Amino acid sequence: MDHKKRLQLACIVLVLITYGIWQFGPEDWQDSAFPMSFRITALFGVLLLAFDDVKKLLLKLNGPTGILIGIGLLMAVAYKPSARAILPLLIGCIAVLSILGFIRRQFGKD
């Protein structure tokens, strides 16, 4: 099973879980779990639509930068109130990693 089919299956399962929480879940889940589940499902839907472009981008962003961007975006989607704190921190970490990589490439060749 290739990655796109796995992503389709994950998206379908997340849609069913989100619908189940919305229709049949307890009322306190509808206030807390439903919005988070809906945002994660929407993220997977967007990733499914842009799968080929995202795959090309991830092949270019190898190493810690790609992993850091992925974790930061997932945290921003899952925990919406903390996105204002996560995104500037993510940008700062990427800038530091870029500067350290530049220094290593410039001065590491002896």
Protein backbone atom coordinates (compact mmCIF):
# COMPACT_ATOMS: atom_id res chain seq x y z
CA MET A 1 0.00 0.00 0.00
CA ASP A 2 1.55 3.31 -1.03
CA HIS A 3 1.56 6.49 1.00
CA LYS A 4 -1.32 8.16 -0.81
CA LYS A 5 -3.65 5.21 -0.19
CA ARG A 6 -2.62 5.16 3.48
CA LEU A 7 -3.38 8.87 3.72
CA GLN A 8 -6.79 8.29 2.10
CA LEU A 9 -7.54 5.53 4.59
CA ALA A 10 -6.44 7.71 7.52
CA CYS A 11 -8.60 10.56 6.25
CA ILE A 12 -11.65 8.30 5.96
CA VAL A 13 -11.11 6.90 9.46
CA LEU A 14 -10.68 10.40 10.90
CA VAL A 15 -13.87 11.59 9.19
CA LEU A 16 -15.77 8.67 10.70
CA ILE A 17 -14.31 9.28 14.17
CA THR A 18 -15.09 13.00 13.97
CA TYR A 19 -18.66 12.28 12.83
CA GLY A 20 -19.05 9.76 15.65
CA ILE A 21 -17.90 12.29 18.24
CA TRP A 22 -20.21 14.91 16.77
CA GLN A 23 -23.32 12.70 16.66
CA PHE A 24 -22.91 10.16 19.43
CA GLY A 25 -20.25 11.48 21.79
CA PRO A 26 -20.88 12.87 25.25
CA GLU A 27 -21.59 16.57 25.45
CA ASP A 28 -18.27 17.44 27.08
CA TRP A 29 -16.47 15.71 24.17
CA GLN A 30 -18.35 17.90 21.71
CA ASP A 31 -16.90 20.96 23.40
CA SER A 32 -13.31 19.73 23.57
CA ALA A 33 -12.57 16.73 21.34
CA PHE A 34 -14.75 17.61 18.34
CA PRO A 35 -13.01 20.89 17.35
CA MET A 36 -9.55 19.33 17.65
CA SER A 37 -10.61 16.22 15.73
CA PHE A 38 -12.20 18.40 13.05
CA ARG A 39 -8.99 20.45 12.60
CA ILE A 40 -6.84 17.33 12.36
CA THR A 41 -9.24 15.80 9.82
CA ALA A 42 -9.19 19.00 7.78
CA LEU A 43 -5.36 18.93 7.85
CA PHE A 44 -5.32 15.36 6.55
CA GLY A 45 -7.83 16.33 3.84
CA VAL A 46 -5.65 19.21 2.69
CA LEU A 47 -2.56 16.97 2.76
CA LEU A 48 -4.44 14.45 0.65
CA LEU A 49 -5.31 17.09 -1.94
CA ALA A 50 -1.75 18.44 -2.08
CA PHE A 51 0.03 15.10 -1.59
CA ASP A 52 2.34 15.28 -4.61
CA ASP A 53 3.51 18.83 -3.85
CA VAL A 54 4.00 18.06 -0.15
CA LYS A 55 6.00 14.95 -1.05
CA LYS A 56 8.34 17.01 -3.26
CA LEU A 57 8.73 19.60 -0.48
CA LEU A 58 9.53 16.99 2.15
CA LEU A 59 12.16 15.42 -0.08
CA LYS A 60 13.90 18.81 -0.25
CA LEU A 61 13.59 19.44 3.51
CA ASN A 62 15.48 16.48 4.87
CA GLY A 63 17.00 16.26 8.30
CA PRO A 64 16.04 18.20 11.43
CA THR A 65 14.44 21.12 9.57
CA GLY A 66 11.77 18.96 7.96
CA ILE A 67 11.07 17.14 11.20
CA LEU A 68 10.85 20.43 13.11
CA ILE A 69 8.45 21.93 10.58
CA GLY A 70 6.25 18.83 10.68
CA ILE A 71 6.06 18.73 14.47
CA GLY A 72 5.40 22.47 14.67
CA LEU A 73 2.58 22.35 12.13
CA LEU A 74 0.94 19.36 13.79
CA MET A 75 1.11 21.06 17.19
CA ALA A 76 -0.32 24.28 15.73
CA VAL A 77 -3.21 22.38 14.16
CA ALA A 78 -3.94 20.16 17.16
CA TYR A 79 -3.70 22.88 19.83
CA LYS A 80 -5.05 25.99 18.17
CA PRO A 81 -4.72 28.39 21.17
CA SER A 82 -1.01 27.70 21.44
CA ALA A 83 -0.33 28.31 17.74
CA ARG A 84 0.65 31.91 18.45
CA ALA A 85 3.42 30.66 20.71
CA ILE A 86 4.49 27.67 18.62
CA LEU A 87 4.86 29.34 15.22
CA PRO A 88 7.36 32.08 16.25
CA LEU A 89 9.32 29.49 18.21
CA LEU A 90 9.35 27.25 15.13
CA ILE A 91 10.56 30.09 12.91
CA GLY A 92 13.30 30.95 15.42
CA CYS A 93 14.49 27.33 15.64
CA ILE A 94 14.59 27.04 11.85
CA ALA A 95 16.62 30.26 11.64
CA VAL A 96 19.10 28.96 14.25
CA LEU A 97 19.40 25.62 12.42
CA SER A 98 20.01 27.44 9.14
CA ILE A 99 22.72 29.64 10.66
CA LEU A 100 24.41 26.65 12.29
CA GLY A 101 24.30 24.74 9.00
CA PHE A 102 25.83 27.69 7.18
CA ILE A 103 28.61 28.00 9.76
CA ARG A 104 29.30 24.27 9.59
CA ARG A 105 29.53 24.35 5.78
CA GLN A 106 31.78 27.42 5.76
CA PHE A 107 34.18 26.55 8.56
CA GLY A 108 33.92 22.77 8.71
CA LYS A 109 36.03 22.21 5.58
CA ASP A 110 39.64 22.10 6.75
